[in-house]
Amino acid sequence: MSSAEFEVEIDEKIEKEIKEPDFYKVVFLNDEQTPVEFVIEIIQDIFGHSEKTAEAITLTVHNEGSGIVGVYTYEIAEQKGVETVKHARASGFPLQVKVEVE
């Protein structure tokens, strides 16, 4: 047998489909016990917003019942949500956070 008998030709292309990751919203829910100043502080410290933006988001949460504080990949959104709730509970506040697909 010659080596020519074992040659294989591949005449098809393999296409890779690259899917961008989904993004998730971190949403704060309004409550009557968590102070506005605390919410503003968390939005600045954990989510990196300026004081002006943090105040605007906090007003939205207060006036509309909820507000988006950031949009991230799932792992980051989940981590920021957990960090927020831990900090709120350690400070004695019932601040609620949702992470939902955008």
PDB file of N, CA and C in Angstrom:
ATOM      1  N   MET A   1       0.832  -1.177   0.000  1.00  0.00           N
ATOM      2  CA  MET A   1       0.000   0.000   0.000  1.00  0.00           C
ATOM      3  C   MET A   1       0.874   1.237   0.000  1.00  0.00           C
ATOM      4  N   SER A   2       0.518   2.114  -0.840  1.00  0.00           N
ATOM      5  CA  SER A   2       1.280   3.355  -0.872  1.00  0.00           C
ATOM      6  C   SER A   2       0.619   4.375   0.041  1.00  0.00           C
ATOM      7  N   SER A   3       1.362   5.416   0.383  1.00  0.00           N
ATOM      8  CA  SER A   3       0.823   6.433   1.280  1.00  0.00           C
ATOM      9  C   SER A   3      -0.283   7.249   0.617  1.00  0.00           C
ATOM     10  N   ALA A   4      -0.362   7.207  -0.690  1.00  0.00           N
ATOM     11  CA  ALA A   4      -1.392   7.951  -1.408  1.00  0.00           C
ATOM     12  C   ALA A   4      -2.784   7.377  -1.137  1.00  0.00           C
ATOM     13  N   GLU A   5      -2.868   6.101  -0.817  1.00  0.00           N
ATOM     14  CA  GLU A   5      -4.149   5.464  -0.576  1.00  0.00           C
ATOM     15  C   GLU A   5      -4.781   5.934   0.732  1.00  0.00           C
ATOM     16  N   PHE A   6      -3.989   6.467   1.648  1.00  0.00           N
ATOM     17  CA  PHE A   6      -4.491   6.850   2.965  1.00  0.00           C
ATOM     18  C   PHE A   6      -4.679   8.349   3.130  1.00  0.00           C
ATOM     19  N   GLU A   7      -4.530   9.106   2.081  1.00  0.00           N
ATOM     20  CA  GLU A   7      -4.724  10.552   2.186  1.00  0.00           C
ATOM     21  C   GLU A   7      -6.212  10.853   2.294  1.00  0.00           C
ATOM     22  N   VAL A   8      -6.520  11.766   3.149  1.00  0.00           N
ATOM     23  CA  VAL A   8      -7.907  12.154   3.362  1.00  0.00           C
ATOM     24  C   VAL A   8      -8.038  13.628   3.053  1.00  0.00           C
ATOM     25  N   GLU A   9      -9.048  13.938   2.298  1.00  0.00           N
ATOM     26  CA  GLU A   9      -9.301  15.345   2.006  1.00  0.00           C
ATOM     27  C   GLU A   9     -10.532  15.781   2.786  1.00  0.00           C
ATOM     28  N   ILE A  10     -10.405  16.918   3.428  1.00  0.00           N
ATOM     29  CA  ILE A  10     -11.554  17.475   4.150  1.00  0.00           C
ATOM     30  C   ILE A  10     -11.987  18.705   3.381  1.00  0.00           C
ATOM     31  N   ASP A  11     -13.220  18.668   2.945  1.00  0.00           N
ATOM     32  CA  ASP A  11     -13.713  19.742   2.108  1.00  0.00           C
ATOM     33  C   ASP A  11     -14.883  20.477   2.782  1.00  0.00           C
ATOM     34  N   GLU A  12     -14.814  20.609   4.094  1.00  0.00           N
ATOM     35  CA  GLU A  12     -15.869  21.347   4.779  1.00  0.00           C
ATOM     36  C   GLU A  12     -15.219  22.298   5.777  1.00  0.00           C
ATOM     37  N   LYS A  13     -15.874  23.386   5.965  1.00  0.00           N
ATOM     38  CA  LYS A  13     -15.366  24.371   6.908  1.00  0.00           C
ATOM     39  C   LYS A  13     -16.138  24.247   8.214  1.00  0.00           C
ATOM     40  N   ILE A  14     -15.421  24.397   9.300  1.00  0.00           N
ATOM     41  CA  ILE A  14     -16.059  24.377  10.603  1.00  0.00           C
ATOM     42  C   ILE A  14     -16.248  25.830  11.030  1.00  0.00           C
ATOM     43  N   GLU A  15     -17.486  26.187  11.253  1.00  0.00           N
ATOM     44  CA  GLU A  15     -17.772  27.556  11.663  1.00  0.00           C
ATOM     45  C   GLU A  15     -18.023  27.583  13.166  1.00  0.00           C
ATOM     46  N   LYS A  16     -17.353  28.491  13.805  1.00  0.00           N
ATOM     47  CA  LYS A  16     -17.551  28.654  15.238  1.00  0.00           C
ATOM     48  C   LYS A  16     -18.498  29.813  15.472  1.00  0.00           C
ATOM     49  N   GLU A  17     -19.480  29.555  16.276  1.00  0.00           N
ATOM     50  CA  GLU A  17     -20.418  30.613  16.626  1.00  0.00           C
ATOM     51  C   GLU A  17     -20.027  31.123  18.008  1.00  0.00           C
ATOM     52  N   ILE A  18     -19.628  32.359  18.048  1.00  0.00           N
ATOM     53  CA  ILE A  18     -19.231  32.955  19.309  1.00  0.00           C
ATOM     54  C   ILE A  18     -20.397  33.781  19.821  1.00  0.00           C
ATOM     55  N   LYS A  19     -20.864  33.413  20.993  1.00  0.00           N
ATOM     56  CA  LYS A  19     -22.016  34.101  21.573  1.00  0.00           C
ATOM     57  C   LYS A  19     -21.525  35.040  22.666  1.00  0.00           C
ATOM     58  N   GLU A  20     -21.929  36.275  22.573  1.00  0.00           N
ATOM     59  CA  GLU A  20     -21.598  37.239  23.612  1.00  0.00           C
ATOM     60  C   GLU A  20     -22.352  36.848  24.878  1.00  0.00           C
ATOM     61  N   PRO A  21     -21.751  37.079  26.045  1.00  0.00           N
ATOM     62  CA  PRO A  21     -22.455  36.728  27.276  1.00  0.00           C
ATOM     63  C   PRO A  21     -23.669  37.629  27.496  1.00  0.00           C
ATOM     64  N   ASP A  22     -24.667  37.076  28.158  1.00  0.00           N
ATOM     65  CA  ASP A  22     -25.834  37.880  28.519  1.00  0.00           C
ATOM     66  C   ASP A  22     -25.431  38.888  29.578  1.00  0.00           C
ATOM     67  N   PHE A  23     -26.159  39.978  29.631  1.00  0.00           N
ATOM     68  CA  PHE A  23     -25.921  40.975  30.662  1.00  0.00           C
ATOM     69  C   PHE A  23     -27.090  40.963  31.636  1.00  0.00           C
ATOM     70  N   TYR A  24     -26.770  41.307  32.874  1.00  0.00           N
ATOM     71  CA  TYR A  24     -27.754  41.272  33.943  1.00  0.00           C
ATOM     72  C   TYR A  24     -27.816  42.613  34.654  1.00  0.00           C
ATOM     73  N   LYS A  25     -29.033  43.017  34.999  1.00  0.00           N
ATOM     74  CA  LYS A  25     -29.255  44.274  35.713  1.00  0.00           C
ATOM     75  C   LYS A  25     -29.231  43.986  37.213  1.00  0.00           C
ATOM     76  N   VAL A  26     -28.577  44.866  37.942  1.00  0.00           N
ATOM     77  CA  VAL A  26     -28.662  44.829  39.404  1.00  0.00           C
ATOM     78  C   VAL A  26     -29.680  45.902  39.764  1.00  0.00           C
ATOM     79  N   VAL A  27     -30.763  45.478  40.423  1.00  0.00           N
ATOM     80  CA  VAL A  27     -31.885  46.363  40.715  1.00  0.00           C
ATOM     81  C   VAL A  27     -32.066  46.474  42.226  1.00  0.00           C
ATOM     82  N   PHE A  28     -32.124  47.706  42.725  1.00  0.00           N
ATOM     83  CA  PHE A  28     -32.436  47.956  44.129  1.00  0.00           C
ATOM     84  C   PHE A  28     -33.936  48.146  44.250  1.00  0.00           C
ATOM     85  N   LEU A  29     -34.505  47.601  45.338  1.00  0.00           N
ATOM     86  CA  LEU A  29     -35.926  47.754  45.614  1.00  0.00           C
ATOM     87  C   LEU A  29     -36.110  48.716  46.782  1.00  0.00           C
ATOM     88  N   ASN A  30     -37.101  49.550  46.684  1.00  0.00           N
ATOM     89  CA  ASN A  30     -37.355  50.545  47.726  1.00  0.00           C
ATOM     90  C   ASN A  30     -37.901  49.884  48.993  1.00  0.00           C
ATOM     91  N   ASP A  31     -37.483  50.414  50.125  1.00  0.00           N
ATOM     92  CA  ASP A  31     -38.082  50.042  51.402  1.00  0.00           C
ATOM     93  C   ASP A  31     -38.108  51.294  52.266  1.00  0.00           C
ATOM     94  N   GLU A  32     -38.833  51.233  53.343  1.00  0.00           N
ATOM     95  CA  GLU A  32     -38.998  52.428  54.170  1.00  0.00           C
ATOM     96  C   GLU A  32     -37.992  52.523  55.321  1.00  0.00           C
ATOM     97  N   GLN A  33     -37.104  51.527  55.465  1.00  0.00           N
ATOM     98  CA  GLN A  33     -36.162  51.550  56.583  1.00  0.00           C
ATOM     99  C   GLN A  33     -34.736  51.931  56.202  1.00  0.00           C
ATOM    100  N   THR A  34     -34.313  51.627  54.992  1.00  0.00           N
ATOM    101  CA  THR A  34     -32.928  51.890  54.587  1.00  0.00           C
ATOM    102  C   THR A  34     -32.770  53.376  54.277  1.00  0.00           C
ATOM    103  N   PRO A  35     -31.866  54.064  54.983  1.00  0.00           N
ATOM    104  CA  PRO A  35     -31.697  55.506  54.760  1.00  0.00           C
ATOM    105  C   PRO A  35     -31.135  55.835  53.373  1.00  0.00           C
ATOM    106  N   VAL A  36     -31.593  56.937  52.833  1.00  0.00           N
ATOM    107  CA  VAL A  36     -31.147  57.415  51.522  1.00  0.00           C
ATOM    108  C   VAL A  36     -29.620  57.552  51.491  1.00  0.00           C
ATOM    109  N   GLU A  37     -29.050  58.088  52.553  1.00  0.00           N
ATOM    110  CA  GLU A  37     -27.588  58.295  52.606  1.00  0.00           C
ATOM    111  C   GLU A  37     -26.842  56.971  52.479  1.00  0.00           C
ATOM    112  N   PHE A  38     -27.381  55.914  53.107  1.00  0.00           N
ATOM    113  CA  PHE A  38     -26.755  54.593  53.040  1.00  0.00           C
ATOM    114  C   PHE A  38     -26.803  54.057  51.610  1.00  0.00           C
ATOM    115  N   VAL A  39     -27.947  54.208  50.961  1.00  0.00           N
ATOM    116  CA  VAL A  39     -28.102  53.728  49.579  1.00  0.00           C
ATOM    117  C   VAL A  39     -27.138  54.471  48.652  1.00  0.00           C
ATOM    118  N   ILE A  40     -27.048  55.776  48.812  1.00  0.00           N
ATOM    119  CA  ILE A  40     -26.129  56.572  47.996  1.00  0.00           C
ATOM    120  C   ILE A  40     -24.689  56.100  48.204  1.00  0.00           C
ATOM    121  N   GLU A  41     -24.337  55.854  49.457  1.00  0.00           N
ATOM    122  CA  GLU A  41     -22.978  55.388  49.788  1.00  0.00           C
ATOM    123  C   GLU A  41     -22.668  54.046  49.121  1.00  0.00           C
ATOM    124  N   ILE A  42     -23.615  53.106  49.177  1.00  0.00           N
ATOM    125  CA  ILE A  42     -23.410  51.786  48.565  1.00  0.00           C
ATOM    126  C   ILE A  42     -23.270  51.904  47.050  1.00  0.00           C
ATOM    127  N   ILE A  43     -24.110  52.732  46.451  1.00  0.00           N
ATOM    128  CA  ILE A  43     -24.053  52.893  44.991  1.00  0.00           C
ATOM    129  C   ILE A  43     -22.696  53.468  44.579  1.00  0.00           C
ATOM    130  N   GLN A  44     -22.150  54.341  45.383  1.00  0.00           N
ATOM    131  CA  GLN A  44     -20.826  54.898  45.085  1.00  0.00           C
ATOM    132  C   GLN A  44     -19.724  53.869  45.358  1.00  0.00           C
ATOM    133  N   ASP A  45     -19.761  53.242  46.525  1.00  0.00           N
ATOM    134  CA  ASP A  45     -18.676  52.343  46.942  1.00  0.00           C
ATOM    135  C   ASP A  45     -18.631  51.036  46.167  1.00  0.00           C
ATOM    136  N   ILE A  46     -19.762  50.393  45.994  1.00  0.00           N
ATOM    137  CA  ILE A  46     -19.782  49.071  45.359  1.00  0.00           C
ATOM    138  C   ILE A  46     -19.933  49.158  43.843  1.00  0.00           C
ATOM    139  N   PHE A  47     -20.702  50.144  43.384  1.00  0.00           N
ATOM    140  CA  PHE A  47     -20.989  50.222  41.955  1.00  0.00           C
ATOM    141  C   PHE A  47     -20.185  51.293  41.225  1.00  0.00           C
ATOM    142  N   GLY A  48     -19.440  52.106  41.971  1.00  0.00           N
ATOM    143  CA  GLY A  48     -18.517  53.061  41.364  1.00  0.00           C
ATOM    144  C   GLY A  48     -19.135  54.276  40.711  1.00  0.00           C
ATOM    145  N   HIS A  49     -20.366  54.610  41.088  1.00  0.00           N
ATOM    146  CA  HIS A  49     -21.008  55.788  40.505  1.00  0.00           C
ATOM    147  C   HIS A  49     -20.569  57.061  41.236  1.00  0.00           C
ATOM    148  N   SER A  50     -20.681  58.171  40.550  1.00  0.00           N
ATOM    149  CA  SER A  50     -20.395  59.468  41.177  1.00  0.00           C
ATOM    150  C   SER A  50     -21.510  59.777  42.172  1.00  0.00           C
ATOM    151  N   GLU A  51     -21.275  60.772  43.026  1.00  0.00           N
ATOM    152  CA  GLU A  51     -22.295  61.152  44.006  1.00  0.00           C
ATOM    153  C   GLU A  51     -23.578  61.613  43.313  1.00  0.00           C
ATOM    154  N   LYS A  52     -23.415  62.396  42.252  1.00  0.00           N
ATOM    155  CA  LYS A  52     -24.574  62.917  41.515  1.00  0.00           C
ATOM    156  C   LYS A  52     -25.403  61.775  40.910  1.00  0.00           C
ATOM    157  N   THR A  53     -24.741  60.823  40.282  1.00  0.00           N
ATOM    158  CA  THR A  53     -25.432  59.677  39.682  1.00  0.00           C
ATOM    159  C   THR A  53     -26.075  58.812  40.757  1.00  0.00           C
ATOM    160  N   ALA A  54     -25.352  58.597  41.847  1.00  0.00           N
ATOM    161  CA  ALA A  54     -25.874  57.792  42.953  1.00  0.00           C
ATOM    162  C   ALA A  54     -27.143  58.424  43.525  1.00  0.00           C
ATOM    163  N   GLU A  55     -27.147  59.735  43.654  1.00  0.00           N
ATOM    164  CA  GLU A  55     -28.335  60.434  44.157  1.00  0.00           C
ATOM    165  C   GLU A  55     -29.508  60.272  43.187  1.00  0.00           C
ATOM    166  N   ALA A  56     -29.248  60.374  41.893  1.00  0.00           N
ATOM    167  CA  ALA A  56     -30.303  60.227  40.884  1.00  0.00           C
ATOM    168  C   ALA A  56     -30.889  58.815  40.909  1.00  0.00           C
ATOM    169  N   ILE A  57     -30.028  57.806  41.006  1.00  0.00           N
ATOM    170  CA  ILE A  57     -30.496  56.412  41.061  1.00  0.00           C
ATOM    171  C   ILE A  57     -31.328  56.200  42.321  1.00  0.00           C
ATOM    172  N   THR A  58     -30.856  56.740  43.447  1.00  0.00           N
ATOM    173  CA  THR A  58     -31.567  56.600  44.719  1.00  0.00           C
ATOM    174  C   THR A  58     -32.947  57.238  44.646  1.00  0.00           C
ATOM    175  N   LEU A  59     -33.044  58.386  44.002  1.00  0.00           N
ATOM    176  CA  LEU A  59     -34.360  59.029  43.821  1.00  0.00           C
ATOM    177  C   LEU A  59     -35.282  58.168  42.971  1.00  0.00           C
ATOM    178  N   THR A  60     -34.739  57.550  41.947  1.00  0.00           N
ATOM    179  CA  THR A  60     -35.535  56.653  41.106  1.00  0.00           C
ATOM    180  C   THR A  60     -36.054  55.482  41.933  1.00  0.00           C
ATOM    181  N   VAL A  61     -35.176  54.881  42.737  1.00  0.00           N
ATOM    182  CA  VAL A  61     -35.585  53.761  43.592  1.00  0.00           C
ATOM    183  C   VAL A  61     -36.706  54.214  44.528  1.00  0.00           C
ATOM    184  N   HIS A  62     -36.518  55.368  45.132  1.00  0.00           N
ATOM    185  CA  HIS A  62     -37.505  55.888  46.100  1.00  0.00           C
ATOM    186  C   HIS A  62     -38.844  56.220  45.428  1.00  0.00           C
ATOM    187  N   ASN A  63     -38.777  56.893  44.298  1.00  0.00           N
ATOM    188  CA  ASN A  63     -40.005  57.361  43.631  1.00  0.00           C
ATOM    189  C   ASN A  63     -40.724  56.292  42.822  1.00  0.00           C
ATOM    190  N   GLU A  64     -39.977  55.366  42.238  1.00  0.00           N
ATOM    191  CA  GLU A  64     -40.586  54.372  41.341  1.00  0.00           C
ATOM    192  C   GLU A  64     -40.657  52.969  41.942  1.00  0.00           C
ATOM    193  N   GLY A  65     -40.058  52.788  43.124  1.00  0.00           N
ATOM    194  CA  GLY A  65     -40.112  51.481  43.777  1.00  0.00           C
ATOM    195  C   GLY A  65     -38.921  50.598  43.482  1.00  0.00           C
ATOM    196  N   SER A  66     -38.189  50.908  42.414  1.00  0.00           N
ATOM    197  CA  SER A  66     -36.975  50.155  42.085  1.00  0.00           C
ATOM    198  C   SER A  66     -36.140  50.975  41.109  1.00  0.00           C
ATOM    199  N   GLY A  67     -34.869  50.609  41.009  1.00  0.00           N
ATOM    200  CA  GLY A  67     -33.987  51.305  40.077  1.00  0.00           C
ATOM    201  C   GLY A  67     -32.772  50.470  39.747  1.00  0.00           C
ATOM    202  N   ILE A  68     -32.323  50.573  38.524  1.00  0.00           N
ATOM    203  CA  ILE A  68     -31.155  49.822  38.062  1.00  0.00           C
ATOM    204  C   ILE A  68     -29.896  50.557  38.501  1.00  0.00           C
ATOM    205  N   VAL A  69     -29.020  49.838  39.214  1.00  0.00           N
ATOM    206  CA  VAL A  69     -27.774  50.455  39.670  1.00  0.00           C
ATOM    207  C   VAL A  69     -26.579  50.062  38.806  1.00  0.00           C
ATOM    208  N   GLY A  70     -26.749  49.042  37.973  1.00  0.00           N
ATOM    209  CA  GLY A  70     -25.664  48.656  37.081  1.00  0.00           C
ATOM    210  C   GLY A  70     -26.064  47.485  36.205  1.00  0.00           C
ATOM    211  N   VAL A  71     -25.319  47.302  35.115  1.00  0.00           N
ATOM    212  CA  VAL A  71     -25.536  46.190  34.191  1.00  0.00           C
ATOM    213  C   VAL A  71     -24.184  45.527  33.959  1.00  0.00           C
ATOM    214  N   TYR A  72     -24.133  44.212  34.212  1.00  0.00           N
ATOM    215  CA  TYR A  72     -22.862  43.486  34.188  1.00  0.00           C
ATOM    216  C   TYR A  72     -23.087  42.074  33.649  1.00  0.00           C
ATOM    217  N   THR A  73     -21.980  41.346  33.461  1.00  0.00           N
ATOM    218  CA  THR A  73     -22.106  39.915  33.189  1.00  0.00           C
ATOM    219  C   THR A  73     -22.647  39.270  34.454  1.00  0.00           C
ATOM    220  N   TYR A  74     -23.146  38.043  34.345  1.00  0.00           N
ATOM    221  CA  TYR A  74     -23.825  37.407  35.467  1.00  0.00           C
ATOM    222  C   TYR A  74     -22.973  37.347  36.735  1.00  0.00           C
ATOM    223  N   GLU A  75     -21.742  36.893  36.601  1.00  0.00           N
ATOM    224  CA  GLU A  75     -20.898  36.702  37.778  1.00  0.00           C
ATOM    225  C   GLU A  75     -20.659  38.015  38.522  1.00  0.00           C
ATOM    226  N   ILE A  76     -20.411  39.065  37.791  1.00  0.00           N
ATOM    227  CA  ILE A  76     -20.150  40.366  38.413  1.00  0.00           C
ATOM    228  C   ILE A  76     -21.432  40.914  39.036  1.00  0.00           C
ATOM    229  N   ALA A  77     -22.552  40.799  38.327  1.00  0.00           N
ATOM    230  CA  ALA A  77     -23.829  41.276  38.860  1.00  0.00           C
ATOM    231  C   ALA A  77     -24.171  40.537  40.153  1.00  0.00           C
ATOM    232  N   GLU A  78     -24.010  39.231  40.142  1.00  0.00           N
ATOM    233  CA  GLU A  78     -24.311  38.421  41.326  1.00  0.00           C
ATOM    234  C   GLU A  78     -23.405  38.801  42.501  1.00  0.00           C
ATOM    235  N   GLN A  79     -22.116  38.973  42.224  1.00  0.00           N
ATOM    236  CA  GLN A  79     -21.169  39.344  43.275  1.00  0.00           C
ATOM    237  C   GLN A  79     -21.520  40.700  43.885  1.00  0.00           C
ATOM    238  N   LYS A  80     -21.825  41.669  43.049  1.00  0.00           N
ATOM    239  CA  LYS A  80     -22.173  43.009  43.546  1.00  0.00           C
ATOM    240  C   LYS A  80     -23.477  42.967  44.343  1.00  0.00           C
ATOM    241  N   GLY A  81     -24.420  42.145  43.913  1.00  0.00           N
ATOM    242  CA  GLY A  81     -25.672  41.987  44.643  1.00  0.00           C
ATOM    243  C   GLY A  81     -25.446  41.385  46.025  1.00  0.00           C
ATOM    244  N   VAL A  82     -24.641  40.339  46.078  1.00  0.00           N
ATOM    245  CA  VAL A  82     -24.335  39.684  47.358  1.00  0.00           C
ATOM    246  C   VAL A  82     -23.582  40.638  48.279  1.00  0.00           C
ATOM    247  N   GLU A  83     -22.603  41.327  47.731  1.00  0.00           N
ATOM    248  CA  GLU A  83     -21.824  42.283  48.521  1.00  0.00           C
ATOM    249  C   GLU A  83     -22.722  43.378  49.104  1.00  0.00           C
ATOM    250  N   THR A  84     -23.658  43.856  48.299  1.00  0.00           N
ATOM    251  CA  THR A  84     -24.594  44.890  48.749  1.00  0.00           C
ATOM    252  C   THR A  84     -25.460  44.391  49.898  1.00  0.00           C
ATOM    253  N   VAL A  85     -26.047  43.219  49.744  1.00  0.00           N
ATOM    254  CA  VAL A  85     -26.933  42.672  50.772  1.00  0.00           C
ATOM    255  C   VAL A  85     -26.152  42.397  52.062  1.00  0.00           C
ATOM    256  N   LYS A  86     -24.952  41.850  51.955  1.00  0.00           N
ATOM    257  CA  LYS A  86     -24.135  41.590  53.156  1.00  0.00           C
ATOM    258  C   LYS A  86     -23.852  42.887  53.902  1.00  0.00           C
ATOM    259  N   HIS A  87     -23.478  43.917  53.158  1.00  0.00           N
ATOM    260  CA  HIS A  87     -23.172  45.211  53.778  1.00  0.00           C
ATOM    261  C   HIS A  87     -24.428  45.800  54.427  1.00  0.00           C
ATOM    262  N   ALA A  88     -25.556  45.701  53.743  1.00  0.00           N
ATOM    263  CA  ALA A  88     -26.812  46.232  54.281  1.00  0.00           C
ATOM    264  C   ALA A  88     -27.206  45.490  55.562  1.00  0.00           C
ATOM    265  N   ARG A  89     -27.127  44.167  55.559  1.00  0.00           N
ATOM    266  CA  ARG A  89     -27.498  43.395  56.748  1.00  0.00           C
ATOM    267  C   ARG A  89     -26.545  43.685  57.904  1.00  0.00           C
ATOM    268  N   ALA A  90     -25.262  43.797  57.611  1.00  0.00           N
ATOM    269  CA  ALA A  90     -24.273  44.099  58.658  1.00  0.00           C
ATOM    270  C   ALA A  90     -24.546  45.470  59.276  1.00  0.00           C
ATOM    271  N   SER A  91     -25.150  46.349  58.487  1.00  0.00           N
ATOM    272  CA  SER A  91     -25.484  47.698  58.974  1.00  0.00           C
ATOM    273  C   SER A  91     -26.899  47.774  59.544  1.00  0.00           C
ATOM    274  N   GLY A  92     -27.627  46.654  59.509  1.00  0.00           N
ATOM    275  CA  GLY A  92     -28.968  46.596  60.087  1.00  0.00           C
ATOM    276  C   GLY A  92     -30.083  47.082  59.181  1.00  0.00           C
ATOM    277  N   PHE A  93     -29.867  47.054  57.855  1.00  0.00           N
ATOM    278  CA  PHE A  93     -30.883  47.542  56.930  1.00  0.00           C
ATOM    279  C   PHE A  93     -31.409  46.407  56.046  1.00  0.00           C
ATOM    280  N   PRO A  94     -32.707  46.470  55.679  1.00  0.00           N
ATOM    281  CA  PRO A  94     -33.324  45.393  54.884  1.00  0.00           C
ATOM    282  C   PRO A  94     -33.271  45.610  53.371  1.00  0.00           C
ATOM    283  N   LEU A  95     -32.320  46.382  52.872  1.00  0.00           N
ATOM    284  CA  LEU A  95     -32.233  46.673  51.436  1.00  0.00           C
ATOM    285  C   LEU A  95     -32.289  45.383  50.633  1.00  0.00           C
ATOM    286  N   GLN A  96     -33.176  45.348  49.643  1.00  0.00           N
ATOM    287  CA  GLN A  96     -33.346  44.175  48.778  1.00  0.00           C
ATOM    288  C   GLN A  96     -32.740  44.462  47.398  1.00  0.00           C
ATOM    289  N   VAL A  97     -32.118  43.438  46.824  1.00  0.00           N
ATOM    290  CA  VAL A  97     -31.471  43.541  45.524  1.00  0.00           C
ATOM    291  C   VAL A  97     -31.934  42.389  44.640  1.00  0.00           C
ATOM    292  N   LYS A  98     -32.238  42.709  43.379  1.00  0.00           N
ATOM    293  CA  LYS A  98     -32.574  41.676  42.389  1.00  0.00           C
ATOM    294  C   LYS A  98     -31.514  41.703  41.301  1.00  0.00           C
ATOM    295  N   VAL A  99     -31.208  40.531  40.765  1.00  0.00           N
ATOM    296  CA  VAL A  99     -30.352  40.438  39.592  1.00  0.00           C
ATOM    297  C   VAL A  99     -31.212  39.770  38.522  1.00  0.00           C
ATOM    298  N   GLU A 100     -31.419  40.483  37.405  1.00  0.00           N
ATOM    299  CA  GLU A 100     -32.271  39.937  36.356  1.00  0.00           C
ATOM    300  C   GLU A 100     -31.657  40.176  34.987  1.00  0.00           C
ATOM    301  N   VAL A 101     -31.939  39.258  34.082  1.00  0.00           N
ATOM    302  CA  VAL A 101     -31.372  39.350  32.739  1.00  0.00           C
ATOM    303  C   VAL A 101     -31.880  40.619  32.052  1.00  0.00           C
ATOM    304  N   GLU A 102     -30.985  41.228  31.291  1.00  0.00           N
ATOM    305  CA  GLU A 102     -31.353  42.484  30.613  1.00  0.00           C
ATOM    306  C   GLU A 102     -32.177  42.176  29.381  1.00  0.00           C
TER     307      GLU A 102
END
